[in-house]
Amino acid sequence: MAIAPPEQRIWWREPIERVELTWIVIAFLWALFMFFFMIAWHFIGQQNLSPEAYRILPSAYEQKVEEFAKKYQVREEKGVPVVRPPAGSDVYMLGRLWQWWPILELEQGQSYRFHLSSIDWQHGFSLQPTNINLQVHPGYEHVITLTPTETGQFGIVCNEFCGIGHHTMTGKIYVTQKKAETAPRVAQKEERR
């Protein structure tokens, strides 16, 4: 470390120390590895989002979600409908200032076509504690296939700043155990000999 300026003002003509050269080579190789691994992970990671998205008017999407909520509502939680759609069906959720609406109740192990859009601003959909992150734009209906593997309550937070109430923009998804199918009981007669 020098307090005074270097003797030679053209610093790039100075010889490179062996330790510096080693770190430059390590950094370069690490950058190459990360670059190619990002490309490879796209194919081997199997965590790529569905490219399925449609243009839709925010008002049309809002109407679709309201009809969905009205049809499958099972109860209310603090004024927000809790919706339990049939297993394997299409489920709808919208982002608006400042909530994810409605609350969903899904079954573990069942696949759903999950539709997501915003009706006002760009929002971030982050499902906690899992690592599902989506950027949600008004005018686009994003569709992903969602198969819950664990039961419990999952929180949704907005991770794109959307205004003064951004910190309060939350939602919920409940995942319940699959209902056991009950087979009709057949009365068996005891055979007596």
C-alpha atoms as a PDB file:
ATOM      1  CA  MET A   1       0.000   0.000   0.000  1.00  0.00           C
ATOM      2  CA  ALA A   2       1.518   3.301  -1.053  1.00  0.00           C
ATOM      3  CA  ILE A   3       0.818   6.752   0.297  1.00  0.00           C
ATOM      4  CA  ALA A   4       2.877   8.496  -2.370  1.00  0.00           C
ATOM      5  CA  PRO A   5       2.055   8.101  -6.060  1.00  0.00           C
ATOM      6  CA  PRO A   6       3.847   5.246  -7.855  1.00  0.00           C
ATOM      7  CA  GLU A   7       7.199   5.930  -9.450  1.00  0.00           C
ATOM      8  CA  GLN A   8       5.867   4.997 -12.857  1.00  0.00           C
ATOM      9  CA  ARG A   9       2.564   6.706 -13.619  1.00  0.00           C
ATOM     10  CA  ILE A  10       1.608   4.106 -16.241  1.00  0.00           C
ATOM     11  CA  TRP A  11       0.627   1.338 -13.805  1.00  0.00           C
ATOM     12  CA  TRP A  12      -0.297  -1.303 -16.383  1.00  0.00           C
ATOM     13  CA  ARG A  13       3.329  -1.545 -17.486  1.00  0.00           C
ATOM     14  CA  GLU A  14       4.337  -2.710 -13.999  1.00  0.00           C
ATOM     15  CA  PRO A  15       5.003  -6.461 -13.711  1.00  0.00           C
ATOM     16  CA  ILE A  16       2.202  -8.473 -12.110  1.00  0.00           C
ATOM     17  CA  GLU A  17       3.056 -10.196  -8.858  1.00  0.00           C
ATOM     18  CA  ARG A  18       2.627 -13.978  -8.783  1.00  0.00           C
ATOM     19  CA  VAL A  19      -0.097 -13.832  -6.064  1.00  0.00           C
ATOM     20  CA  GLU A  20      -2.078 -11.222  -8.024  1.00  0.00           C
ATOM     21  CA  LEU A  21      -1.840 -13.305 -11.179  1.00  0.00           C
ATOM     22  CA  THR A  22      -3.036 -16.378  -9.282  1.00  0.00           C
ATOM     23  CA  TRP A  23      -6.129 -14.519  -7.999  1.00  0.00           C
ATOM     24  CA  ILE A  24      -6.865 -13.077 -11.455  1.00  0.00           C
ATOM     25  CA  VAL A  25      -6.770 -16.574 -12.968  1.00  0.00           C
ATOM     26  CA  ILE A  26      -8.958 -17.998 -10.160  1.00  0.00           C
ATOM     27  CA  ALA A  27     -11.528 -15.181 -10.576  1.00  0.00           C
ATOM     28  CA  PHE A  28     -11.580 -15.612 -14.366  1.00  0.00           C
ATOM     29  CA  LEU A  29     -12.058 -19.392 -14.141  1.00  0.00           C
ATOM     30  CA  TRP A  30     -14.795 -18.974 -11.508  1.00  0.00           C
ATOM     31  CA  ALA A  31     -16.611 -16.447 -13.732  1.00  0.00           C
ATOM     32  CA  LEU A  32     -16.443 -18.859 -16.680  1.00  0.00           C
ATOM     33  CA  PHE A  33     -17.724 -21.712 -14.509  1.00  0.00           C
ATOM     34  CA  MET A  34     -20.656 -19.629 -13.212  1.00  0.00           C
ATOM     35  CA  PHE A  35     -21.549 -18.412 -16.698  1.00  0.00           C
ATOM     36  CA  PHE A  36     -21.727 -21.918 -18.169  1.00  0.00           C
ATOM     37  CA  PHE A  37     -23.372 -23.370 -15.060  1.00  0.00           C
ATOM     38  CA  MET A  38     -26.227 -20.819 -15.334  1.00  0.00           C
ATOM     39  CA  ILE A  39     -26.880 -22.055 -18.859  1.00  0.00           C
ATOM     40  CA  ALA A  40     -26.610 -25.711 -17.810  1.00  0.00           C
ATOM     41  CA  TRP A  41     -28.870 -25.197 -14.775  1.00  0.00           C
ATOM     42  CA  HIS A  42     -31.614 -23.980 -17.084  1.00  0.00           C
ATOM     43  CA  PHE A  43     -31.749 -27.508 -18.515  1.00  0.00           C
ATOM     44  CA  ILE A  44     -30.756 -29.719 -15.556  1.00  0.00           C
ATOM     45  CA  GLY A  45     -32.290 -27.719 -12.696  1.00  0.00           C
ATOM     46  CA  GLN A  46     -35.923 -28.334 -13.672  1.00  0.00           C
ATOM     47  CA  GLN A  47     -36.911 -25.109 -11.906  1.00  0.00           C
ATOM     48  CA  ASN A  48     -37.873 -23.116 -14.947  1.00  0.00           C
ATOM     49  CA  LEU A  49     -41.163 -21.314 -14.943  1.00  0.00           C
ATOM     50  CA  SER A  50     -43.824 -22.184 -17.415  1.00  0.00           C
ATOM     51  CA  PRO A  51     -43.695 -19.996 -20.505  1.00  0.00           C
ATOM     52  CA  GLU A  52     -47.503 -19.983 -20.523  1.00  0.00           C
ATOM     53  CA  ALA A  53     -48.800 -16.416 -20.260  1.00  0.00           C
ATOM     54  CA  TYR A  54     -51.674 -14.580 -21.900  1.00  0.00           C
ATOM     55  CA  ARG A  55     -52.556 -10.958 -22.459  1.00  0.00           C
ATOM     56  CA  ILE A  56     -55.696 -10.007 -20.571  1.00  0.00           C
ATOM     57  CA  LEU A  57     -57.380  -6.797 -19.512  1.00  0.00           C
ATOM     58  CA  PRO A  58     -56.961  -6.275 -15.766  1.00  0.00           C
ATOM     59  CA  SER A  59     -60.724  -5.760 -15.383  1.00  0.00           C
ATOM     60  CA  ALA A  60     -61.446  -9.059 -17.201  1.00  0.00           C
ATOM     61  CA  TYR A  61     -58.979 -10.917 -14.974  1.00  0.00           C
ATOM     62  CA  GLU A  62     -60.487  -9.355 -11.847  1.00  0.00           C
ATOM     63  CA  GLN A  63     -63.936 -10.544 -12.928  1.00  0.00           C
ATOM     64  CA  LYS A  64     -62.600 -14.064 -13.563  1.00  0.00           C
ATOM     65  CA  VAL A  65     -61.079 -14.221 -10.055  1.00  0.00           C
ATOM     66  CA  GLU A  66     -64.233 -12.865  -8.394  1.00  0.00           C
ATOM     67  CA  GLU A  67     -66.370 -15.523 -10.124  1.00  0.00           C
ATOM     68  CA  PHE A  68     -63.879 -18.213  -9.081  1.00  0.00           C
ATOM     69  CA  ALA A  69     -63.936 -17.011  -5.451  1.00  0.00           C
ATOM     70  CA  LYS A  70     -67.722 -16.837  -5.354  1.00  0.00           C
ATOM     71  CA  LYS A  71     -68.071 -20.363  -6.783  1.00  0.00           C
ATOM     72  CA  TYR A  72     -65.645 -22.153  -4.434  1.00  0.00           C
ATOM     73  CA  GLN A  73     -65.712 -20.039  -1.241  1.00  0.00           C
ATOM     74  CA  VAL A  74     -65.851 -22.146   1.941  1.00  0.00           C
ATOM     75  CA  ARG A  75     -65.443 -19.446   4.606  1.00  0.00           C
ATOM     76  CA  GLU A  76     -64.108 -15.953   5.249  1.00  0.00           C
ATOM     77  CA  GLU A  77     -61.002 -14.863   7.109  1.00  0.00           C
ATOM     78  CA  LYS A  78     -60.877 -11.198   8.149  1.00  0.00           C
ATOM     79  CA  GLY A  79     -63.135 -10.258   5.261  1.00  0.00           C
ATOM     80  CA  VAL A  80     -61.142 -12.208   2.653  1.00  0.00           C
ATOM     81  CA  PRO A  81     -62.754 -15.302   1.107  1.00  0.00           C
ATOM     82  CA  VAL A  82     -61.053 -18.652   1.627  1.00  0.00           C
ATOM     83  CA  VAL A  83     -61.504 -20.660  -1.555  1.00  0.00           C
ATOM     84  CA  ARG A  84     -61.244 -24.455  -1.853  1.00  0.00           C
ATOM     85  CA  PRO A  85     -61.303 -25.463  -5.526  1.00  0.00           C
ATOM     86  CA  PRO A  86     -61.618 -29.090  -6.643  1.00  0.00           C
ATOM     87  CA  ALA A  87     -58.363 -31.022  -6.970  1.00  0.00           C
ATOM     88  CA  GLY A  88     -56.772 -30.713 -10.373  1.00  0.00           C
ATOM     89  CA  SER A  89     -58.697 -27.593 -11.361  1.00  0.00           C
ATOM     90  CA  ASP A  90     -57.671 -24.100 -12.369  1.00  0.00           C
ATOM     91  CA  VAL A  91     -57.086 -21.726  -9.441  1.00  0.00           C
ATOM     92  CA  TYR A  92     -56.933 -17.944  -9.666  1.00  0.00           C
ATOM     93  CA  MET A  93     -55.214 -15.324  -7.538  1.00  0.00           C
ATOM     94  CA  LEU A  94     -54.735 -11.629  -8.134  1.00  0.00           C
ATOM     95  CA  GLY A  95     -52.434  -9.001  -6.760  1.00  0.00           C
ATOM     96  CA  ARG A  96     -53.731  -5.550  -5.985  1.00  0.00           C
ATOM     97  CA  LEU A  97     -52.833  -2.718  -3.651  1.00  0.00           C
ATOM     98  CA  TRP A  98     -52.089  -4.186  -1.069  1.00  0.00           C
ATOM     99  CA  GLN A  99     -53.093  -7.823  -0.907  1.00  0.00           C
ATOM    100  CA  TRP A 100     -53.005 -11.166  -2.653  1.00  0.00           C
ATOM    101  CA  TRP A 101     -56.627 -12.182  -3.130  1.00  0.00           C
ATOM    102  CA  PRO A 102     -58.319 -14.639  -2.339  1.00  0.00           C
ATOM    103  CA  ILE A 103     -56.870 -17.053   0.213  1.00  0.00           C
ATOM    104  CA  LEU A 104     -56.507 -20.513  -1.341  1.00  0.00           C
ATOM    105  CA  GLU A 105     -56.976 -23.896   0.302  1.00  0.00           C
ATOM    106  CA  LEU A 106     -55.372 -26.662  -1.765  1.00  0.00           C
ATOM    107  CA  GLU A 107     -54.870 -30.409  -1.295  1.00  0.00           C
ATOM    108  CA  GLN A 108     -51.455 -31.971  -0.816  1.00  0.00           C
ATOM    109  CA  GLY A 109     -50.271 -34.039  -3.776  1.00  0.00           C
ATOM    110  CA  GLN A 110     -52.832 -32.632  -6.210  1.00  0.00           C
ATOM    111  CA  SER A 111     -51.787 -30.603  -9.257  1.00  0.00           C
ATOM    112  CA  TYR A 112     -53.449 -27.287 -10.024  1.00  0.00           C
ATOM    113  CA  ARG A 113     -53.158 -24.831 -12.905  1.00  0.00           C
ATOM    114  CA  PHE A 114     -52.330 -21.676 -10.993  1.00  0.00           C
ATOM    115  CA  HIS A 115     -53.332 -18.413 -12.732  1.00  0.00           C
ATOM    116  CA  LEU A 116     -51.758 -15.197 -11.460  1.00  0.00           C
ATOM    117  CA  SER A 117     -52.002 -11.547 -12.496  1.00  0.00           C
ATOM    118  CA  SER A 118     -52.100  -8.018 -11.141  1.00  0.00           C
ATOM    119  CA  ILE A 119     -54.878  -5.517 -11.667  1.00  0.00           C
ATOM    120  CA  ASP A 120     -52.965  -2.331 -10.873  1.00  0.00           C
ATOM    121  CA  TRP A 121     -49.137  -2.297 -10.551  1.00  0.00           C
ATOM    122  CA  GLN A 122     -46.216  -4.625 -10.948  1.00  0.00           C
ATOM    123  CA  HIS A 123     -45.992  -6.905  -7.916  1.00  0.00           C
ATOM    124  CA  GLY A 124     -43.685  -9.672  -6.793  1.00  0.00           C
ATOM    125  CA  PHE A 125     -45.169 -13.030  -5.805  1.00  0.00           C
ATOM    126  CA  SER A 126     -42.938 -14.799  -3.291  1.00  0.00           C
ATOM    127  CA  LEU A 127     -44.309 -17.980  -1.720  1.00  0.00           C
ATOM    128  CA  GLN A 128     -42.722 -18.522   1.702  1.00  0.00           C
ATOM    129  CA  PRO A 129     -41.006 -20.664   2.962  1.00  0.00           C
ATOM    130  CA  THR A 130     -40.626 -22.334  -0.446  1.00  0.00           C
ATOM    131  CA  ASN A 131     -38.617 -20.661  -3.152  1.00  0.00           C
ATOM    132  CA  ILE A 132     -41.249 -19.674  -5.697  1.00  0.00           C
ATOM    133  CA  ASN A 133     -40.735 -16.127  -6.973  1.00  0.00           C
ATOM    134  CA  LEU A 134     -42.628 -14.537  -9.838  1.00  0.00           C
ATOM    135  CA  GLN A 135     -42.811 -11.043 -11.197  1.00  0.00           C
ATOM    136  CA  VAL A 136     -46.474 -10.254 -11.816  1.00  0.00           C
ATOM    137  CA  HIS A 137     -47.523  -7.602 -14.312  1.00  0.00           C
ATOM    138  CA  PRO A 138     -50.953  -6.130 -15.018  1.00  0.00           C
ATOM    139  CA  GLY A 139     -52.258  -7.182 -18.410  1.00  0.00           C
ATOM    140  CA  TYR A 140     -50.572 -10.617 -18.309  1.00  0.00           C
ATOM    141  CA  GLU A 141     -52.069 -13.806 -16.914  1.00  0.00           C
ATOM    142  CA  HIS A 142     -49.271 -16.161 -15.898  1.00  0.00           C
ATOM    143  CA  VAL A 143     -50.112 -19.872 -15.639  1.00  0.00           C
ATOM    144  CA  ILE A 144     -47.959 -22.391 -13.785  1.00  0.00           C
ATOM    145  CA  THR A 145     -48.587 -25.944 -12.659  1.00  0.00           C
ATOM    146  CA  LEU A 146     -48.459 -26.146  -8.889  1.00  0.00           C
ATOM    147  CA  THR A 147     -48.376 -29.406  -6.913  1.00  0.00           C
ATOM    148  CA  PRO A 148     -48.169 -28.849  -3.137  1.00  0.00           C
ATOM    149  CA  THR A 149     -45.955 -31.485  -1.513  1.00  0.00           C
ATOM    150  CA  GLU A 150     -46.237 -30.369   2.123  1.00  0.00           C
ATOM    151  CA  THR A 151     -49.184 -29.463   4.317  1.00  0.00           C
ATOM    152  CA  GLY A 152     -49.394 -26.255   6.310  1.00  0.00           C
ATOM    153  CA  GLN A 153     -49.867 -22.535   5.921  1.00  0.00           C
ATOM    154  CA  PHE A 154     -47.769 -20.754   3.320  1.00  0.00           C
ATOM    155  CA  GLY A 155     -47.369 -17.007   3.233  1.00  0.00           C
ATOM    156  CA  ILE A 156     -47.232 -14.845   0.135  1.00  0.00           C
ATOM    157  CA  VAL A 157     -45.350 -11.561   0.189  1.00  0.00           C
ATOM    158  CA  CYS A 158     -44.828  -8.922  -2.440  1.00  0.00           C
ATOM    159  CA  ASN A 159     -41.127  -8.568  -3.182  1.00  0.00           C
ATOM    160  CA  GLU A 160     -41.399  -5.729  -5.736  1.00  0.00           C
ATOM    161  CA  PHE A 161     -41.867  -2.273  -4.215  1.00  0.00           C
ATOM    162  CA  CYS A 162     -45.427  -1.251  -5.089  1.00  0.00           C
ATOM    163  CA  GLY A 163     -46.087   1.829  -2.988  1.00  0.00           C
ATOM    164  CA  ILE A 164     -46.605   3.042   0.542  1.00  0.00           C
ATOM    165  CA  GLY A 165     -48.435  -0.116   1.697  1.00  0.00           C
ATOM    166  CA  HIS A 166     -45.956  -2.537   0.108  1.00  0.00           C
ATOM    167  CA  HIS A 167     -44.861  -3.930   3.485  1.00  0.00           C
ATOM    168  CA  THR A 168     -48.455  -4.994   4.238  1.00  0.00           C
ATOM    169  CA  MET A 169     -49.060  -6.800   0.927  1.00  0.00           C
ATOM    170  CA  THR A 170     -49.467 -10.426   1.963  1.00  0.00           C
ATOM    171  CA  GLY A 171     -51.623 -13.431   1.204  1.00  0.00           C
ATOM    172  CA  LYS A 172     -52.010 -17.081   2.225  1.00  0.00           C
ATOM    173  CA  ILE A 173     -52.261 -20.544   0.786  1.00  0.00           C
ATOM    174  CA  TYR A 174     -53.358 -23.403   3.030  1.00  0.00           C
ATOM    175  CA  VAL A 175     -52.391 -26.931   2.030  1.00  0.00           C
ATOM    176  CA  THR A 176     -54.409 -29.714   3.639  1.00  0.00           C
ATOM    177  CA  GLN A 177     -53.991 -33.455   3.570  1.00  0.00           C
ATOM    178  CA  LYS A 178     -55.718 -35.324   0.824  1.00  0.00           C
ATOM    179  CA  LYS A 179     -59.091 -36.522   1.980  1.00  0.00           C
ATOM    180  CA  ALA A 180     -59.221 -40.275   2.366  1.00  0.00           C
ATOM    181  CA  GLU A 181     -61.616 -41.864  -0.037  1.00  0.00           C
ATOM    182  CA  THR A 182     -64.241 -43.864   1.737  1.00  0.00           C
ATOM    183  CA  ALA A 183     -65.246 -47.080   0.051  1.00  0.00           C
ATOM    184  CA  PRO A 184     -68.818 -48.236   0.588  1.00  0.00           C
ATOM    185  CA  ARG A 185     -69.013 -50.964   3.153  1.00  0.00           C
ATOM    186  CA  VAL A 186     -70.447 -54.191   1.965  1.00  0.00           C
ATOM    187  CA  ALA A 187     -72.238 -56.202   4.592  1.00  0.00           C
ATOM    188  CA  GLN A 188     -70.739 -59.611   4.816  1.00  0.00           C
ATOM    189  CA  LYS A 189     -72.763 -62.490   6.101  1.00  0.00           C
ATOM    190  CA  GLU A 190     -71.073 -65.009   8.240  1.00  0.00           C
ATOM    191  CA  GLU A 191     -71.299 -68.380   6.808  1.00  0.00           C
ATOM    192  CA  ARG A 192     -72.189 -70.945   9.408  1.00  0.00           C
ATOM    193  CA  ARG A 193     -71.458 -74.559   8.980  1.00  0.00           C
END
